[in-house]
Amino acid sequence: MERNTEGSPGNKALFLDLVGTLVALDETRQLPLGPDGAIRLVLMPNVAARLAPERDRLVFVVTNQAGVARGRLSLAQLEQAMAELDRLLGMVLTGWRICPHDEGDGCPCRKPRPAMLLELAADYGVDMAASLMVGDQEVDRQTAANAGVGGFAWAADFFGWNVS
């Protein structure tokens, strides 16, 4: 999916992890599936409200989804789920990248490798040093560092889940 394709060098971007950051995960830290095998998206708290003001910024989702390589999910299911996520968020997403590979595949797109972010940066003229990545795991922080993203925020802090 691609939207807002008019990128110019120097664009600031917001890179977001998917599972555990934007949407709830199941007990195995994967996207939950319903009885019919369809992906069930449940937004994490404050996500839609926090991202609403970002509508004028480049907003991307980058996600590892080894369930494709393992036969749990199809790429078509994931693309459909990402389009549904964008609708749930009020059409704020500029685009997304999905790594369908397993850990042992050695692909350059699997986080913490930076290829997904670097492809988006090249396509949209993103100033990586001025950009931010939000995630819920150390692999997300490592990915941001490996891609040269200037800032990293833990999802709990960015979305206000740590507020007492």
C-alpha atoms as a PDB file:
ATOM      1  CA  MET A   1       0.000   0.000   0.000  1.00  0.00           C
ATOM      2  CA  GLU A   2       1.279   3.415  -0.866  1.00  0.00           C
ATOM      3  CA  ARG A   3      -0.302   6.808  -0.307  1.00  0.00           C
ATOM      4  CA  ASN A   4       1.121  10.318  -0.152  1.00  0.00           C
ATOM      5  CA  THR A   5       3.652   9.359  -2.796  1.00  0.00           C
ATOM      6  CA  GLU A   6       4.924  12.910  -3.144  1.00  0.00           C
ATOM      7  CA  GLY A   7       8.017  12.643  -0.995  1.00  0.00           C
ATOM      8  CA  SER A   8      10.725  15.254  -0.901  1.00  0.00           C
ATOM      9  CA  PRO A   9      14.150  14.942   0.693  1.00  0.00           C
ATOM     10  CA  GLY A  10      14.073  15.947   4.321  1.00  0.00           C
ATOM     11  CA  ASN A  11      10.688  14.479   5.208  1.00  0.00           C
ATOM     12  CA  LYS A  12      10.321  13.447   8.833  1.00  0.00           C
ATOM     13  CA  ALA A  13       8.710  10.059   9.289  1.00  0.00           C
ATOM     14  CA  LEU A  14       7.111   8.089  12.065  1.00  0.00           C
ATOM     15  CA  PHE A  15       7.910   4.372  11.838  1.00  0.00           C
ATOM     16  CA  LEU A  16       5.664   2.081  13.874  1.00  0.00           C
ATOM     17  CA  ASP A  17       5.900  -1.564  14.830  1.00  0.00           C
ATOM     18  CA  LEU A  18       2.611  -3.465  14.484  1.00  0.00           C
ATOM     19  CA  VAL A  19       1.987  -6.242  17.010  1.00  0.00           C
ATOM     20  CA  GLY A  20       2.187  -5.077  20.624  1.00  0.00           C
ATOM     21  CA  THR A  21       2.540  -1.466  19.491  1.00  0.00           C
ATOM     22  CA  LEU A  22      -0.530  -0.695  17.368  1.00  0.00           C
ATOM     23  CA  VAL A  23      -2.566  -3.867  17.807  1.00  0.00           C
ATOM     24  CA  ALA A  24      -2.952  -6.418  20.568  1.00  0.00           C
ATOM     25  CA  LEU A  25      -1.105  -9.698  20.334  1.00  0.00           C
ATOM     26  CA  ASP A  26      -2.095 -13.203  21.288  1.00  0.00           C
ATOM     27  CA  GLU A  27      -0.416 -15.375  23.926  1.00  0.00           C
ATOM     28  CA  THR A  28       2.305 -16.352  21.417  1.00  0.00           C
ATOM     29  CA  ARG A  29       3.093 -12.670  20.568  1.00  0.00           C
ATOM     30  CA  GLN A  30       1.488 -12.967  17.145  1.00  0.00           C
ATOM     31  CA  LEU A  31      -1.509 -11.416  15.430  1.00  0.00           C
ATOM     32  CA  PRO A  32      -4.631 -13.051  16.839  1.00  0.00           C
ATOM     33  CA  LEU A  33      -6.697 -15.173  14.478  1.00  0.00           C
ATOM     34  CA  GLY A  34     -10.433 -15.693  14.765  1.00  0.00           C
ATOM     35  CA  PRO A  35     -12.150 -19.085  14.498  1.00  0.00           C
ATOM     36  CA  ASP A  36     -12.479 -18.496  10.740  1.00  0.00           C
ATOM     37  CA  GLY A  37      -8.706 -17.959  10.418  1.00  0.00           C
ATOM     38  CA  ALA A  38      -9.081 -14.229   9.735  1.00  0.00           C
ATOM     39  CA  ILE A  39      -6.777 -11.778  11.489  1.00  0.00           C
ATOM     40  CA  ARG A  40      -8.556 -10.037  14.392  1.00  0.00           C
ATOM     41  CA  LEU A  41      -7.297  -6.499  14.863  1.00  0.00           C
ATOM     42  CA  VAL A  42      -7.760  -4.978  18.297  1.00  0.00           C
ATOM     43  CA  LEU A  43      -6.185  -1.544  18.663  1.00  0.00           C
ATOM     44  CA  MET A  44      -4.002  -0.943  21.675  1.00  0.00           C
ATOM     45  CA  PRO A  45      -5.166   1.861  24.010  1.00  0.00           C
ATOM     46  CA  ASN A  46      -4.868   5.479  22.802  1.00  0.00           C
ATOM     47  CA  VAL A  47      -3.418   4.466  19.417  1.00  0.00           C
ATOM     48  CA  ALA A  48      -6.031   6.058  17.144  1.00  0.00           C
ATOM     49  CA  ALA A  49      -6.244   9.258  19.200  1.00  0.00           C
ATOM     50  CA  ARG A  50      -2.446   9.622  19.452  1.00  0.00           C
ATOM     51  CA  LEU A  51      -1.917   9.086  15.709  1.00  0.00           C
ATOM     52  CA  ALA A  52      -4.738  11.389  14.547  1.00  0.00           C
ATOM     53  CA  PRO A  53      -2.554  14.534  14.700  1.00  0.00           C
ATOM     54  CA  GLU A  54       0.119  12.764  12.629  1.00  0.00           C
ATOM     55  CA  ARG A  55      -2.042  12.870   9.485  1.00  0.00           C
ATOM     56  CA  ASP A  56       0.250  15.427   7.810  1.00  0.00           C
ATOM     57  CA  ARG A  57       3.393  13.435   8.553  1.00  0.00           C
ATOM     58  CA  LEU A  58       4.752  10.334   6.812  1.00  0.00           C
ATOM     59  CA  VAL A  59       3.526   7.415   8.931  1.00  0.00           C
ATOM     60  CA  PHE A  60       4.724   3.882   8.203  1.00  0.00           C
ATOM     61  CA  VAL A  61       4.221   0.444   9.736  1.00  0.00           C
ATOM     62  CA  VAL A  62       7.115  -2.026   9.589  1.00  0.00           C
ATOM     63  CA  THR A  63       6.482  -5.550  10.810  1.00  0.00           C
ATOM     64  CA  ASN A  64       8.081  -8.973  10.950  1.00  0.00           C
ATOM     65  CA  GLN A  65       5.483 -11.625  10.139  1.00  0.00           C
ATOM     66  CA  ALA A  66       7.196 -15.031  10.135  1.00  0.00           C
ATOM     67  CA  GLY A  67       3.712 -16.562  10.260  1.00  0.00           C
ATOM     68  CA  VAL A  68       3.726 -16.258   6.464  1.00  0.00           C
ATOM     69  CA  ALA A  69       6.858 -18.401   6.110  1.00  0.00           C
ATOM     70  CA  ARG A  70       5.439 -20.859   8.649  1.00  0.00           C
ATOM     71  CA  GLY A  71       2.087 -21.143   6.842  1.00  0.00           C
ATOM     72  CA  ARG A  72       0.014 -19.540   9.626  1.00  0.00           C
ATOM     73  CA  LEU A  73      -0.879 -16.465   7.544  1.00  0.00           C
ATOM     74  CA  SER A  74      -0.842 -15.400   3.927  1.00  0.00           C
ATOM     75  CA  LEU A  75       0.576 -12.175   2.573  1.00  0.00           C
ATOM     76  CA  ALA A  76      -2.900 -11.425   1.196  1.00  0.00           C
ATOM     77  CA  GLN A  77      -4.385 -11.726   4.704  1.00  0.00           C
ATOM     78  CA  LEU A  78      -1.764  -9.350   6.041  1.00  0.00           C
ATOM     79  CA  GLU A  79      -2.307  -6.804   3.267  1.00  0.00           C
ATOM     80  CA  GLN A  80      -6.045  -6.914   3.966  1.00  0.00           C
ATOM     81  CA  ALA A  81      -5.401  -6.503   7.706  1.00  0.00           C
ATOM     82  CA  MET A  82      -3.110  -3.526   7.072  1.00  0.00           C
ATOM     83  CA  ALA A  83      -5.766  -1.841   4.946  1.00  0.00           C
ATOM     84  CA  GLU A  84      -8.299  -2.475   7.731  1.00  0.00           C
ATOM     85  CA  LEU A  85      -5.847  -1.077  10.297  1.00  0.00           C
ATOM     86  CA  ASP A  86      -5.500   2.072   8.201  1.00  0.00           C
ATOM     87  CA  ARG A  87      -9.298   2.434   8.180  1.00  0.00           C
ATOM     88  CA  LEU A  88      -9.428   1.930  11.963  1.00  0.00           C
ATOM     89  CA  LEU A  89      -6.791   4.637  12.374  1.00  0.00           C
ATOM     90  CA  GLY A  90      -8.640   7.122  10.176  1.00  0.00           C
ATOM     91  CA  MET A  91      -6.486   6.659   7.059  1.00  0.00           C
ATOM     92  CA  VAL A  92      -3.339   8.048   8.678  1.00  0.00           C
ATOM     93  CA  LEU A  93      -0.863   5.508   7.253  1.00  0.00           C
ATOM     94  CA  THR A  94       1.321   6.507   4.330  1.00  0.00           C
ATOM     95  CA  GLY A  95       2.488   2.949   3.737  1.00  0.00           C
ATOM     96  CA  TRP A  96       3.813  -0.237   5.255  1.00  0.00           C
ATOM     97  CA  ARG A  97       6.332  -2.996   4.788  1.00  0.00           C
ATOM     98  CA  ILE A  98       5.898  -6.601   5.857  1.00  0.00           C
ATOM     99  CA  CYS A  99       8.776  -9.062   6.249  1.00  0.00           C
ATOM    100  CA  PRO A 100       7.233 -12.498   5.583  1.00  0.00           C
ATOM    101  CA  HIS A 101      10.446 -14.385   6.349  1.00  0.00           C
ATOM    102  CA  ASP A 102      11.422 -16.600   9.264  1.00  0.00           C
ATOM    103  CA  GLU A 103      14.368 -15.842  11.530  1.00  0.00           C
ATOM    104  CA  GLY A 104      16.696 -18.315   9.814  1.00  0.00           C
ATOM    105  CA  ASP A 105      16.037 -17.026   6.296  1.00  0.00           C
ATOM    106  CA  GLY A 106      18.709 -14.326   6.558  1.00  0.00           C
ATOM    107  CA  CYS A 107      16.698 -11.776   4.609  1.00  0.00           C
ATOM    108  CA  PRO A 108      17.727  -8.096   4.790  1.00  0.00           C
ATOM    109  CA  CYS A 109      14.192  -6.950   5.624  1.00  0.00           C
ATOM    110  CA  ARG A 110      13.691  -8.863   8.882  1.00  0.00           C
ATOM    111  CA  LYS A 111      14.070  -6.593  11.886  1.00  0.00           C
ATOM    112  CA  PRO A 112      16.565  -5.774  13.349  1.00  0.00           C
ATOM    113  CA  ARG A 113      17.981  -5.461   9.832  1.00  0.00           C
ATOM    114  CA  PRO A 114      17.075  -2.061   8.374  1.00  0.00           C
ATOM    115  CA  ALA A 115      15.920  -2.829   4.798  1.00  0.00           C
ATOM    116  CA  MET A 116      12.185  -2.143   5.352  1.00  0.00           C
ATOM    117  CA  LEU A 117      12.912   1.297   6.802  1.00  0.00           C
ATOM    118  CA  LEU A 118      15.591   2.126   4.262  1.00  0.00           C
ATOM    119  CA  GLU A 119      13.292   1.219   1.340  1.00  0.00           C
ATOM    120  CA  LEU A 120      10.586   3.510   2.684  1.00  0.00           C
ATOM    121  CA  ALA A 121      13.156   6.251   3.288  1.00  0.00           C
ATOM    122  CA  ALA A 122      14.405   6.012  -0.295  1.00  0.00           C
ATOM    123  CA  ASP A 123      10.872   5.931  -1.731  1.00  0.00           C
ATOM    124  CA  TYR A 124       9.677   8.957   0.252  1.00  0.00           C
ATOM    125  CA  GLY A 125      12.796  11.079   0.749  1.00  0.00           C
ATOM    126  CA  VAL A 126      12.842  10.519   4.502  1.00  0.00           C
ATOM    127  CA  ASP A 127      15.375  12.308   6.687  1.00  0.00           C
ATOM    128  CA  MET A 128      16.170   9.353   8.937  1.00  0.00           C
ATOM    129  CA  ALA A 129      18.047  11.413  11.518  1.00  0.00           C
ATOM    130  CA  ALA A 130      14.959  13.614  12.006  1.00  0.00           C
ATOM    131  CA  SER A 131      12.563  10.662  12.194  1.00  0.00           C
ATOM    132  CA  LEU A 132      11.176   8.554  15.033  1.00  0.00           C
ATOM    133  CA  MET A 133      10.435   4.865  15.493  1.00  0.00           C
ATOM    134  CA  VAL A 134       7.964   3.499  18.040  1.00  0.00           C
ATOM    135  CA  GLY A 135       8.029  -0.110  19.167  1.00  0.00           C
ATOM    136  CA  ASP A 136       7.477  -2.478  22.044  1.00  0.00           C
ATOM    137  CA  GLN A 137      10.549  -4.715  21.851  1.00  0.00           C
ATOM    138  CA  GLU A 138      14.319  -4.362  21.868  1.00  0.00           C
ATOM    139  CA  VAL A 139      14.402  -5.542  18.235  1.00  0.00           C
ATOM    140  CA  ASP A 140      12.458  -2.391  17.300  1.00  0.00           C
ATOM    141  CA  ARG A 141      14.985  -0.172  19.059  1.00  0.00           C
ATOM    142  CA  GLN A 142      17.840  -2.022  17.339  1.00  0.00           C
ATOM    143  CA  THR A 143      16.132  -1.646  13.961  1.00  0.00           C
ATOM    144  CA  ALA A 144      15.818   2.105  14.445  1.00  0.00           C
ATOM    145  CA  ALA A 145      19.506   2.343  15.337  1.00  0.00           C
ATOM    146  CA  ASN A 146      20.545   0.136  12.399  1.00  0.00           C
ATOM    147  CA  ALA A 147      18.539   2.293   9.982  1.00  0.00           C
ATOM    148  CA  GLY A 148      19.899   5.574  11.348  1.00  0.00           C
ATOM    149  CA  VAL A 149      16.561   6.724  12.767  1.00  0.00           C
ATOM    150  CA  GLY A 150      17.226   9.679  15.039  1.00  0.00           C
ATOM    151  CA  GLY A 151      14.816   8.778  17.801  1.00  0.00           C
ATOM    152  CA  PHE A 152      13.142   5.803  19.381  1.00  0.00           C
ATOM    153  CA  ALA A 153      10.171   5.723  21.755  1.00  0.00           C
ATOM    154  CA  TRP A 154       8.762   2.779  23.619  1.00  0.00           C
ATOM    155  CA  ALA A 155       5.122   2.226  22.675  1.00  0.00           C
ATOM    156  CA  ALA A 156       4.011   2.420  26.318  1.00  0.00           C
ATOM    157  CA  ASP A 157       5.492   5.912  26.625  1.00  0.00           C
ATOM    158  CA  PHE A 158       4.448   7.182  23.186  1.00  0.00           C
ATOM    159  CA  PHE A 159       0.826   6.076  23.586  1.00  0.00           C
ATOM    160  CA  GLY A 160       0.606   6.954  27.289  1.00  0.00           C
ATOM    161  CA  TRP A 161       0.104   3.476  28.709  1.00  0.00           C
ATOM    162  CA  ASN A 162       2.443   4.243  31.640  1.00  0.00           C
ATOM    163  CA  VAL A 163       0.282   7.060  32.930  1.00  0.00           C
ATOM    164  CA  SER A 164      -0.693   6.498  36.559  1.00  0.00           C
END
